[in-house]
Amino acid sequence: MNIGLCAQVACIWEATARKPGNVHRFRDFRDTSYVDFLVSAAAMAPTLDRARGRRVGETVLDAVRATRSVAATNTNMGIVLLFAPLAAVPEDRDLRSGIADVLEKVDVADARLVYEAIRLASPAGLGQVPEQDLTQEPTVGLREAMVLAADRDLVARQYASGFQEVLYDGVQALERGLGPSLEQAIVLCHLEFMAKYPDSLIVRKRGLAEAEESCRRARHVLDLGWPHPGASQTAIADLDSWLRAEGNSRNPGTTADLVAASLFAVLREGIIKLPATWEPFK
């Protein structure tokens, strides 16, 4: 399948699903709208379609530049960082075996390009770190730089782990949820990620304690049997309200990035085939 199309569809599905705490087709943020995510997906898709045979860093920087030409705020920095190496896996390799070779080849030149892209996107909540800070030029390869950040950022952790969380946790959650409603499978994947991993964006903006609280609340929704009617529906509505309080500063944005990458993986691997019917959950 066309890689750019996989990327665009994955982003549209992720943005459209009514995931708690995120922008979706019925909820915007003050400075970011659902349409911003749609046009960002369209803008970056051609760059990702050319990812094979190019530096991962080049793909990341070009995708961010394309996005900034259509969106005034950072809509997809995490998504681009996740999609670029996945899109570079050769067509004749599956993602789980092929991603290791891609990550082995990234070097300090890729790191410099990615640092430039992150500075251009200007994602929220970035502070300073003692080693390989974004305000400086990197002196290690991209994977090494990501390993240094892996304990505080779930996107960086994918470079360190070989995309274990995306290609195993995320893909398996989507497979478990597939059935009458694609939207329901996406929300289930989102909840399972939230319940297992404190969201990096929440950590940066609100602190670890609130990120861990978001984990507990997501786990409570799942423990009540979501999506079954009754108490689980009240619990997911309460989770959504809590995440949207305080000016949406508890937005689980990194979780959304992981969901998008998981959707890219199931499309690229043919687990979900296009055309696919979008069925909302009730």
C-alpha atoms as a PDB file:
ATOM      1  CA  MET A   1       0.000   0.000   0.000  1.00  0.00           C
ATOM      2  CA  ASN A   2       1.102   3.560  -0.658  1.00  0.00           C
ATOM      3  CA  ILE A   3       2.940   4.642   2.493  1.00  0.00           C
ATOM      4  CA  GLY A   4       1.779   8.246   2.296  1.00  0.00           C
ATOM      5  CA  LEU A   5      -1.818   7.059   2.083  1.00  0.00           C
ATOM      6  CA  CYS A   6      -1.295   4.762   5.095  1.00  0.00           C
ATOM      7  CA  ALA A   7       0.062   7.699   7.060  1.00  0.00           C
ATOM      8  CA  GLN A   8      -2.736  10.065   6.082  1.00  0.00           C
ATOM      9  CA  VAL A   9      -5.524   7.572   6.785  1.00  0.00           C
ATOM     10  CA  ALA A  10      -3.983   6.605  10.140  1.00  0.00           C
ATOM     11  CA  CYS A  11      -3.845  10.256  11.206  1.00  0.00           C
ATOM     12  CA  ILE A  12      -7.387  10.963  10.042  1.00  0.00           C
ATOM     13  CA  TRP A  13      -8.741   7.943  11.918  1.00  0.00           C
ATOM     14  CA  GLU A  14      -6.791   8.831  15.060  1.00  0.00           C
ATOM     15  CA  ALA A  15      -7.943  12.456  15.009  1.00  0.00           C
ATOM     16  CA  THR A  16     -11.565  11.561  14.231  1.00  0.00           C
ATOM     17  CA  ALA A  17     -12.063   8.993  17.002  1.00  0.00           C
ATOM     18  CA  ARG A  18     -13.621  10.434  20.167  1.00  0.00           C
ATOM     19  CA  LYS A  19     -10.676   9.646  22.420  1.00  0.00           C
ATOM     20  CA  PRO A  20     -10.890  11.120  25.931  1.00  0.00           C
ATOM     21  CA  GLY A  21      -8.958  14.337  26.371  1.00  0.00           C
ATOM     22  CA  ASN A  22      -7.961  14.835  22.726  1.00  0.00           C
ATOM     23  CA  VAL A  23      -9.150  17.021  19.876  1.00  0.00           C
ATOM     24  CA  HIS A  24     -11.643  15.100  17.717  1.00  0.00           C
ATOM     25  CA  ARG A  25     -14.406  15.821  15.247  1.00  0.00           C
ATOM     26  CA  PHE A  26     -16.718  17.183  17.951  1.00  0.00           C
ATOM     27  CA  ARG A  27     -14.156  18.909  20.219  1.00  0.00           C
ATOM     28  CA  ASP A  28     -11.499  21.515  19.434  1.00  0.00           C
ATOM     29  CA  PHE A  29      -8.979  23.212  21.689  1.00  0.00           C
ATOM     30  CA  ARG A  30      -8.695  26.977  21.897  1.00  0.00           C
ATOM     31  CA  ASP A  31      -5.604  27.067  19.684  1.00  0.00           C
ATOM     32  CA  THR A  32      -5.912  23.806  17.728  1.00  0.00           C
ATOM     33  CA  SER A  33      -8.824  22.376  15.767  1.00  0.00           C
ATOM     34  CA  TYR A  34      -9.815  19.046  14.273  1.00  0.00           C
ATOM     35  CA  VAL A  35      -9.299  20.555  10.818  1.00  0.00           C
ATOM     36  CA  ASP A  36      -5.699  21.431  11.769  1.00  0.00           C
ATOM     37  CA  PHE A  37      -5.013  17.720  12.246  1.00  0.00           C
ATOM     38  CA  LEU A  38      -6.633  16.807   8.929  1.00  0.00           C
ATOM     39  CA  VAL A  39      -4.650  19.320   6.883  1.00  0.00           C
ATOM     40  CA  SER A  40      -1.467  18.359   8.733  1.00  0.00           C
ATOM     41  CA  ALA A  41      -2.006  14.725   7.755  1.00  0.00           C
ATOM     42  CA  ALA A  42      -2.445  15.699   4.126  1.00  0.00           C
ATOM     43  CA  ALA A  43       0.625  17.941   4.185  1.00  0.00           C
ATOM     44  CA  MET A  44       3.050  15.373   5.576  1.00  0.00           C
ATOM     45  CA  ALA A  45       1.850  12.367   3.551  1.00  0.00           C
ATOM     46  CA  PRO A  46       3.896  13.015   0.357  1.00  0.00           C
ATOM     47  CA  THR A  47       7.107  13.325   2.387  1.00  0.00           C
ATOM     48  CA  LEU A  48       6.474  10.015   4.150  1.00  0.00           C
ATOM     49  CA  ASP A  49       5.766   8.369   0.811  1.00  0.00           C
ATOM     50  CA  ARG A  50       9.388   9.155  -0.149  1.00  0.00           C
ATOM     51  CA  ALA A  51      10.881   7.924   3.139  1.00  0.00           C
ATOM     52  CA  ARG A  52      12.426   4.720   1.818  1.00  0.00           C
ATOM     53  CA  GLY A  53      16.027   5.312   0.814  1.00  0.00           C
ATOM     54  CA  ARG A  54      16.244   8.688   2.560  1.00  0.00           C
ATOM     55  CA  ARG A  55      17.630   9.720   5.914  1.00  0.00           C
ATOM     56  CA  VAL A  56      15.086   9.478   8.710  1.00  0.00           C
ATOM     57  CA  GLY A  57      16.132  12.985   9.759  1.00  0.00           C
ATOM     58  CA  GLU A  58      15.421  14.369   6.280  1.00  0.00           C
ATOM     59  CA  THR A  59      11.949  12.858   6.313  1.00  0.00           C
ATOM     60  CA  VAL A  60      11.240  14.284   9.755  1.00  0.00           C
ATOM     61  CA  LEU A  61      12.395  17.801   8.881  1.00  0.00           C
ATOM     62  CA  ASP A  62      10.597  17.892   5.523  1.00  0.00           C
ATOM     63  CA  ALA A  63       7.370  16.614   7.102  1.00  0.00           C
ATOM     64  CA  VAL A  64       7.508  19.248   9.839  1.00  0.00           C
ATOM     65  CA  ARG A  65       8.181  21.993   7.287  1.00  0.00           C
ATOM     66  CA  ALA A  66       5.208  20.820   5.227  1.00  0.00           C
ATOM     67  CA  THR A  67       3.022  20.770   8.326  1.00  0.00           C
ATOM     68  CA  ARG A  68       4.042  24.251   9.424  1.00  0.00           C
ATOM     69  CA  SER A  69       2.976  25.562   6.014  1.00  0.00           C
ATOM     70  CA  VAL A  70      -0.639  24.610   6.791  1.00  0.00           C
ATOM     71  CA  ALA A  71      -0.916  24.617  10.606  1.00  0.00           C
ATOM     72  CA  ALA A  72      -0.015  27.443  12.971  1.00  0.00           C
ATOM     73  CA  THR A  73       0.632  25.176  15.973  1.00  0.00           C
ATOM     74  CA  ASN A  74       2.422  21.882  16.543  1.00  0.00           C
ATOM     75  CA  THR A  75      -0.057  19.193  15.515  1.00  0.00           C
ATOM     76  CA  ASN A  76       2.125  16.206  14.692  1.00  0.00           C
ATOM     77  CA  MET A  77       5.750  16.376  15.873  1.00  0.00           C
ATOM     78  CA  GLY A  78       5.427  13.128  17.804  1.00  0.00           C
ATOM     79  CA  ILE A  79       3.585  11.461  14.944  1.00  0.00           C
ATOM     80  CA  VAL A  80       6.270  12.466  12.441  1.00  0.00           C
ATOM     81  CA  LEU A  81       9.032  11.133  14.709  1.00  0.00           C
ATOM     82  CA  LEU A  82       7.187   7.817  14.934  1.00  0.00           C
ATOM     83  CA  PHE A  83       6.129   7.531  11.301  1.00  0.00           C
ATOM     84  CA  ALA A  84       9.454   8.454   9.672  1.00  0.00           C
ATOM     85  CA  PRO A  85      11.435   5.320  10.648  1.00  0.00           C
ATOM     86  CA  LEU A  86       8.412   3.064  10.165  1.00  0.00           C
ATOM     87  CA  ALA A  87       7.860   4.497   6.681  1.00  0.00           C
ATOM     88  CA  ALA A  88      11.525   3.830   5.844  1.00  0.00           C
ATOM     89  CA  VAL A  89      11.238   0.048   6.354  1.00  0.00           C
ATOM     90  CA  PRO A  90      11.659  -1.648   2.943  1.00  0.00           C
ATOM     91  CA  GLU A  91       8.489  -2.855   1.276  1.00  0.00           C
ATOM     92  CA  ASP A  92       9.574  -6.498   1.415  1.00  0.00           C
ATOM     93  CA  ARG A  93      10.177  -6.443   5.190  1.00  0.00           C
ATOM     94  CA  ASP A  94       7.577  -6.501   7.939  1.00  0.00           C
ATOM     95  CA  LEU A  95       7.795  -3.670  10.442  1.00  0.00           C
ATOM     96  CA  ARG A  96       8.820  -5.786  13.426  1.00  0.00           C
ATOM     97  CA  SER A  97      11.895  -7.186  11.685  1.00  0.00           C
ATOM     98  CA  GLY A  98      12.687  -4.208   9.467  1.00  0.00           C
ATOM     99  CA  ILE A  99      12.621  -1.394  11.999  1.00  0.00           C
ATOM    100  CA  ALA A 100      15.828  -2.576  13.680  1.00  0.00           C
ATOM    101  CA  ASP A 101      17.823  -2.113  10.465  1.00  0.00           C
ATOM    102  CA  VAL A 102      16.420   1.389   9.977  1.00  0.00           C
ATOM    103  CA  LEU A 103      17.284   2.428  13.526  1.00  0.00           C
ATOM    104  CA  GLU A 104      20.788   0.974  13.220  1.00  0.00           C
ATOM    105  CA  LYS A 105      21.591   3.335  10.345  1.00  0.00           C
ATOM    106  CA  VAL A 106      20.540   6.653  11.885  1.00  0.00           C
ATOM    107  CA  ASP A 107      23.514   8.802  12.879  1.00  0.00           C
ATOM    108  CA  VAL A 108      24.523  12.231  14.107  1.00  0.00           C
ATOM    109  CA  ALA A 109      23.447  13.849  10.827  1.00  0.00           C
ATOM    110  CA  ASP A 110      19.943  12.488  11.409  1.00  0.00           C
ATOM    111  CA  ALA A 111      20.059  13.822  14.952  1.00  0.00           C
ATOM    112  CA  ARG A 112      20.943  17.317  13.719  1.00  0.00           C
ATOM    113  CA  LEU A 113      18.050  17.292  11.254  1.00  0.00           C
ATOM    114  CA  VAL A 114      15.604  16.039  13.898  1.00  0.00           C
ATOM    115  CA  TYR A 115      16.778  18.653  16.403  1.00  0.00           C
ATOM    116  CA  GLU A 116      16.134  21.333  13.778  1.00  0.00           C
ATOM    117  CA  ALA A 117      12.666  19.898  13.141  1.00  0.00           C
ATOM    118  CA  ILE A 118      11.785  19.856  16.848  1.00  0.00           C
ATOM    119  CA  ARG A 119      12.912  23.449  17.273  1.00  0.00           C
ATOM    120  CA  LEU A 120      10.768  24.415  14.269  1.00  0.00           C
ATOM    121  CA  ALA A 121       7.699  22.586  15.600  1.00  0.00           C
ATOM    122  CA  SER A 122       8.250  23.988  19.111  1.00  0.00           C
ATOM    123  CA  PRO A 123       6.267  21.340  21.030  1.00  0.00           C
ATOM    124  CA  ALA A 124       4.802  22.290  24.399  1.00  0.00           C
ATOM    125  CA  GLY A 125       6.458  21.649  27.708  1.00  0.00           C
ATOM    126  CA  LEU A 126      10.054  21.097  26.612  1.00  0.00           C
ATOM    127  CA  GLY A 127      12.583  21.949  29.291  1.00  0.00           C
ATOM    128  CA  GLN A 128      16.349  21.650  29.341  1.00  0.00           C
ATOM    129  CA  VAL A 129      18.365  18.502  29.996  1.00  0.00           C
ATOM    130  CA  PRO A 130      22.024  18.026  30.956  1.00  0.00           C
ATOM    131  CA  GLU A 131      22.963  15.927  27.913  1.00  0.00           C
ATOM    132  CA  GLN A 132      22.184  16.551  24.222  1.00  0.00           C
ATOM    133  CA  ASP A 133      19.772  19.402  24.914  1.00  0.00           C
ATOM    134  CA  LEU A 134      17.714  20.608  21.956  1.00  0.00           C
ATOM    135  CA  THR A 135      19.165  24.102  22.215  1.00  0.00           C
ATOM    136  CA  GLN A 136      22.567  22.694  21.258  1.00  0.00           C
ATOM    137  CA  GLU A 137      23.880  20.727  18.289  1.00  0.00           C
ATOM    138  CA  PRO A 138      23.858  16.973  19.000  1.00  0.00           C
ATOM    139  CA  THR A 139      27.152  15.110  19.218  1.00  0.00           C
ATOM    140  CA  VAL A 140      25.687  11.583  19.179  1.00  0.00           C
ATOM    141  CA  GLY A 141      23.553   9.661  16.720  1.00  0.00           C
ATOM    142  CA  LEU A 142      19.785   9.999  16.660  1.00  0.00           C
ATOM    143  CA  ARG A 143      19.137   6.691  18.360  1.00  0.00           C
ATOM    144  CA  GLU A 144      21.652   7.463  21.102  1.00  0.00           C
ATOM    145  CA  ALA A 145      19.984  10.827  21.675  1.00  0.00           C
ATOM    146  CA  MET A 146      16.596   9.134  21.888  1.00  0.00           C
ATOM    147  CA  VAL A 147      17.910   6.537  24.335  1.00  0.00           C
ATOM    148  CA  LEU A 148      18.955   9.392  26.637  1.00  0.00           C
ATOM    149  CA  ALA A 149      15.358  10.677  26.576  1.00  0.00           C
ATOM    150  CA  ALA A 150      13.630   7.285  26.683  1.00  0.00           C
ATOM    151  CA  ASP A 151      12.888   7.353  30.409  1.00  0.00           C
ATOM    152  CA  ARG A 152      10.964  10.618  30.122  1.00  0.00           C
ATOM    153  CA  ASP A 153       9.392  10.443  26.650  1.00  0.00           C
ATOM    154  CA  LEU A 154       7.353   7.613  25.125  1.00  0.00           C
ATOM    155  CA  VAL A 155       8.148   8.657  21.553  1.00  0.00           C
ATOM    156  CA  ALA A 156      11.880   8.580  22.258  1.00  0.00           C
ATOM    157  CA  ARG A 157      11.400   5.195  23.935  1.00  0.00           C
ATOM    158  CA  GLN A 158      10.291   3.712  20.610  1.00  0.00           C
ATOM    159  CA  TYR A 159      13.722   4.397  19.133  1.00  0.00           C
ATOM    160  CA  ALA A 160      15.325   2.706  22.128  1.00  0.00           C
ATOM    161  CA  SER A 161      12.963  -0.300  22.258  1.00  0.00           C
ATOM    162  CA  GLY A 162      12.611  -0.992  18.547  1.00  0.00           C
ATOM    163  CA  PHE A 163       9.015   0.315  18.635  1.00  0.00           C
ATOM    164  CA  GLN A 164       7.930  -2.392  21.076  1.00  0.00           C
ATOM    165  CA  GLU A 165       5.064  -0.381  22.546  1.00  0.00           C
ATOM    166  CA  VAL A 166       3.652   0.521  19.121  1.00  0.00           C
ATOM    167  CA  LEU A 167       4.202  -2.751  17.264  1.00  0.00           C
ATOM    168  CA  TYR A 168       3.138  -5.017  20.116  1.00  0.00           C
ATOM    169  CA  ASP A 169       0.979  -3.181  22.684  1.00  0.00           C
ATOM    170  CA  GLY A 170      -0.716  -0.862  20.217  1.00  0.00           C
ATOM    171  CA  VAL A 171      -1.214  -3.300  17.358  1.00  0.00           C
ATOM    172  CA  GLN A 172      -2.514  -6.005  19.697  1.00  0.00           C
ATOM    173  CA  ALA A 173      -4.956  -3.578  21.343  1.00  0.00           C
ATOM    174  CA  LEU A 174      -6.345  -2.616  17.941  1.00  0.00           C
ATOM    175  CA  GLU A 175      -6.643  -6.261  16.929  1.00  0.00           C
ATOM    176  CA  ARG A 176      -8.535  -7.058  20.149  1.00  0.00           C
ATOM    177  CA  GLY A 177     -10.884  -4.151  19.587  1.00  0.00           C
ATOM    178  CA  LEU A 178     -11.650  -4.748  15.923  1.00  0.00           C
ATOM    179  CA  GLY A 179     -15.254  -5.684  15.325  1.00  0.00           C
ATOM    180  CA  PRO A 180     -18.388  -3.732  14.545  1.00  0.00           C
ATOM    181  CA  SER A 181     -16.812  -0.327  15.304  1.00  0.00           C
ATOM    182  CA  LEU A 182     -13.400   0.876  14.119  1.00  0.00           C
ATOM    183  CA  GLU A 183     -13.765   3.949  16.328  1.00  0.00           C
ATOM    184  CA  GLN A 184     -14.306   1.715  19.346  1.00  0.00           C
ATOM    185  CA  ALA A 185     -11.072  -0.186  18.596  1.00  0.00           C
ATOM    186  CA  ILE A 186      -9.151   3.104  18.396  1.00  0.00           C
ATOM    187  CA  VAL A 187     -10.544   4.378  21.701  1.00  0.00           C
ATOM    188  CA  LEU A 188      -9.771   1.022  23.340  1.00  0.00           C
ATOM    189  CA  CYS A 189      -6.161   1.273  22.119  1.00  0.00           C
ATOM    190  CA  HIS A 190      -5.979   4.804  23.524  1.00  0.00           C
ATOM    191  CA  LEU A 191      -7.328   3.710  26.913  1.00  0.00           C
ATOM    192  CA  GLU A 192      -4.955   0.753  27.135  1.00  0.00           C
ATOM    193  CA  PHE A 193      -1.948   2.953  26.349  1.00  0.00           C
ATOM    194  CA  MET A 194      -3.127   5.528  28.906  1.00  0.00           C
ATOM    195  CA  ALA A 195      -3.660   2.866  31.568  1.00  0.00           C
ATOM    196  CA  LYS A 196      -0.182   1.386  31.094  1.00  0.00           C
ATOM    197  CA  TYR A 197       2.092   4.380  30.421  1.00  0.00           C
ATOM    198  CA  PRO A 198       2.000   7.856  32.018  1.00  0.00           C
ATOM    199  CA  ASP A 199       1.526  10.254  29.113  1.00  0.00           C
ATOM    200  CA  SER A 200       4.733  12.181  28.369  1.00  0.00           C
ATOM    201  CA  LEU A 201       2.931  15.401  27.459  1.00  0.00           C
ATOM    202  CA  ILE A 202       0.974  15.361  30.717  1.00  0.00           C
ATOM    203  CA  VAL A 203       4.226  14.750  32.603  1.00  0.00           C
ATOM    204  CA  ARG A 204       5.874  17.748  30.914  1.00  0.00           C
ATOM    205  CA  LYS A 205       2.927  20.093  31.448  1.00  0.00           C
ATOM    206  CA  ARG A 206       1.427  18.902  34.753  1.00  0.00           C
ATOM    207  CA  GLY A 207       3.977  16.624  36.440  1.00  0.00           C
ATOM    208  CA  LEU A 208       4.340  12.890  36.998  1.00  0.00           C
ATOM    209  CA  ALA A 209       1.708  12.686  39.747  1.00  0.00           C
ATOM    210  CA  GLU A 210      -1.078  13.874  37.446  1.00  0.00           C
ATOM    211  CA  ALA A 211       0.146  11.650  34.610  1.00  0.00           C
ATOM    212  CA  GLU A 212      -0.023   8.675  36.974  1.00  0.00           C
ATOM    213  CA  GLU A 213      -3.494   9.780  38.044  1.00  0.00           C
ATOM    214  CA  SER A 214      -4.550   9.725  34.391  1.00  0.00           C
ATOM    215  CA  CYS A 215      -3.273   6.117  34.233  1.00  0.00           C
ATOM    216  CA  ARG A 216      -5.385   5.157  37.243  1.00  0.00           C
ATOM    217  CA  ARG A 217      -8.481   6.787  35.799  1.00  0.00           C
ATOM    218  CA  ALA A 218      -8.035   5.068  32.418  1.00  0.00           C
ATOM    219  CA  ARG A 219      -7.494   1.717  34.153  1.00  0.00           C
ATOM    220  CA  HIS A 220     -10.708   2.287  36.122  1.00  0.00           C
ATOM    221  CA  VAL A 221     -12.633   2.759  32.852  1.00  0.00           C
ATOM    222  CA  LEU A 222     -11.245  -0.516  31.511  1.00  0.00           C
ATOM    223  CA  ASP A 223     -11.841  -2.373  34.762  1.00  0.00           C
ATOM    224  CA  LEU A 224     -15.511  -1.377  34.577  1.00  0.00           C
ATOM    225  CA  GLY A 225     -15.716  -3.185  31.237  1.00  0.00           C
ATOM    226  CA  TRP A 226     -15.702  -0.332  28.715  1.00  0.00           C
ATOM    227  CA  PRO A 227     -17.359  -0.189  26.179  1.00  0.00           C
ATOM    228  CA  HIS A 228     -20.219  -2.043  27.856  1.00  0.00           C
ATOM    229  CA  PRO A 229     -23.140   0.178  28.906  1.00  0.00           C
ATOM    230  CA  GLY A 230     -23.520   1.389  32.447  1.00  0.00           C
ATOM    231  CA  ALA A 231     -20.804   2.434  34.854  1.00  0.00           C
ATOM    232  CA  SER A 232     -18.003   2.322  32.277  1.00  0.00           C
ATOM    233  CA  GLN A 233     -19.768   4.936  30.151  1.00  0.00           C
ATOM    234  CA  THR A 234     -20.028   7.279  33.132  1.00  0.00           C
ATOM    235  CA  ALA A 235     -16.372   6.632  33.960  1.00  0.00           C
ATOM    236  CA  ILE A 236     -15.093   7.452  30.470  1.00  0.00           C
ATOM    237  CA  ALA A 237     -17.150  10.666  30.451  1.00  0.00           C
ATOM    238  CA  ASP A 238     -15.641  11.596  33.827  1.00  0.00           C
ATOM    239  CA  LEU A 239     -12.144  10.822  32.504  1.00  0.00           C
ATOM    240  CA  ASP A 240     -12.751  13.020  29.474  1.00  0.00           C
ATOM    241  CA  SER A 241     -13.966  15.907  31.657  1.00  0.00           C
ATOM    242  CA  TRP A 242     -10.982  15.607  34.006  1.00  0.00           C
ATOM    243  CA  LEU A 243      -8.505  15.581  31.112  1.00  0.00           C
ATOM    244  CA  ARG A 244     -10.142  18.636  29.536  1.00  0.00           C
ATOM    245  CA  ALA A 245     -10.122  20.673  32.759  1.00  0.00           C
ATOM    246  CA  GLU A 246      -7.410  23.262  33.425  1.00  0.00           C
ATOM    247  CA  GLY A 247      -7.468  24.530  29.846  1.00  0.00           C
ATOM    248  CA  ASN A 248      -6.850  21.097  28.288  1.00  0.00           C
ATOM    249  CA  SER A 249      -3.427  20.975  29.936  1.00  0.00           C
ATOM    250  CA  ARG A 250      -3.933  17.273  30.708  1.00  0.00           C
ATOM    251  CA  ASN A 251      -4.277  16.469  27.001  1.00  0.00           C
ATOM    252  CA  PRO A 252      -2.815  12.958  26.517  1.00  0.00           C
ATOM    253  CA  GLY A 253      -1.105  13.998  23.299  1.00  0.00           C
ATOM    254  CA  THR A 254       1.740  11.482  23.374  1.00  0.00           C
ATOM    255  CA  THR A 255      -0.768   8.672  23.809  1.00  0.00           C
ATOM    256  CA  ALA A 256      -2.545   9.927  20.684  1.00  0.00           C
ATOM    257  CA  ASP A 257       0.769   9.824  18.789  1.00  0.00           C
ATOM    258  CA  LEU A 258       1.276   6.179  19.780  1.00  0.00           C
ATOM    259  CA  VAL A 259      -2.261   5.348  18.668  1.00  0.00           C
ATOM    260  CA  ALA A 260      -1.633   6.980  15.282  1.00  0.00           C
ATOM    261  CA  ALA A 261       1.579   4.989  14.836  1.00  0.00           C
ATOM    262  CA  SER A 262      -0.241   1.778  15.774  1.00  0.00           C
ATOM    263  CA  LEU A 263      -2.902   2.545  13.153  1.00  0.00           C
ATOM    264  CA  PHE A 264      -0.167   3.179  10.588  1.00  0.00           C
ATOM    265  CA  ALA A 265       1.302  -0.229  11.454  1.00  0.00           C
ATOM    266  CA  VAL A 266      -1.958  -2.171  11.053  1.00  0.00           C
ATOM    267  CA  LEU A 267      -2.630  -0.470   7.720  1.00  0.00           C
ATOM    268  CA  ARG A 268       0.898  -0.990   6.426  1.00  0.00           C
ATOM    269  CA  GLU A 269       0.884  -4.663   7.486  1.00  0.00           C
ATOM    270  CA  GLY A 270      -2.553  -5.329   6.004  1.00  0.00           C
ATOM    271  CA  ILE A 271      -4.229  -6.143   9.328  1.00  0.00           C
ATOM    272  CA  ILE A 272      -6.809  -3.523   8.354  1.00  0.00           C
ATOM    273  CA  LYS A 273      -7.343  -3.206   4.620  1.00  0.00           C
ATOM    274  CA  LEU A 274      -8.719  -0.268   2.673  1.00  0.00           C
ATOM    275  CA  PRO A 275     -11.436   0.525   1.922  1.00  0.00           C
ATOM    276  CA  ALA A 276     -12.496   0.101   5.542  1.00  0.00           C
ATOM    277  CA  THR A 277     -15.878   1.005   6.948  1.00  0.00           C
ATOM    278  CA  TRP A 278     -15.843   3.650   9.641  1.00  0.00           C
ATOM    279  CA  GLU A 279     -18.430   2.705  12.225  1.00  0.00           C
ATOM    280  CA  PRO A 280     -18.767   4.973  15.275  1.00  0.00           C
ATOM    281  CA  PHE A 281     -19.464   3.465  18.664  1.00  0.00           C
ATOM    282  CA  LYS A 282     -22.651   4.374  20.472  1.00  0.00           C
END
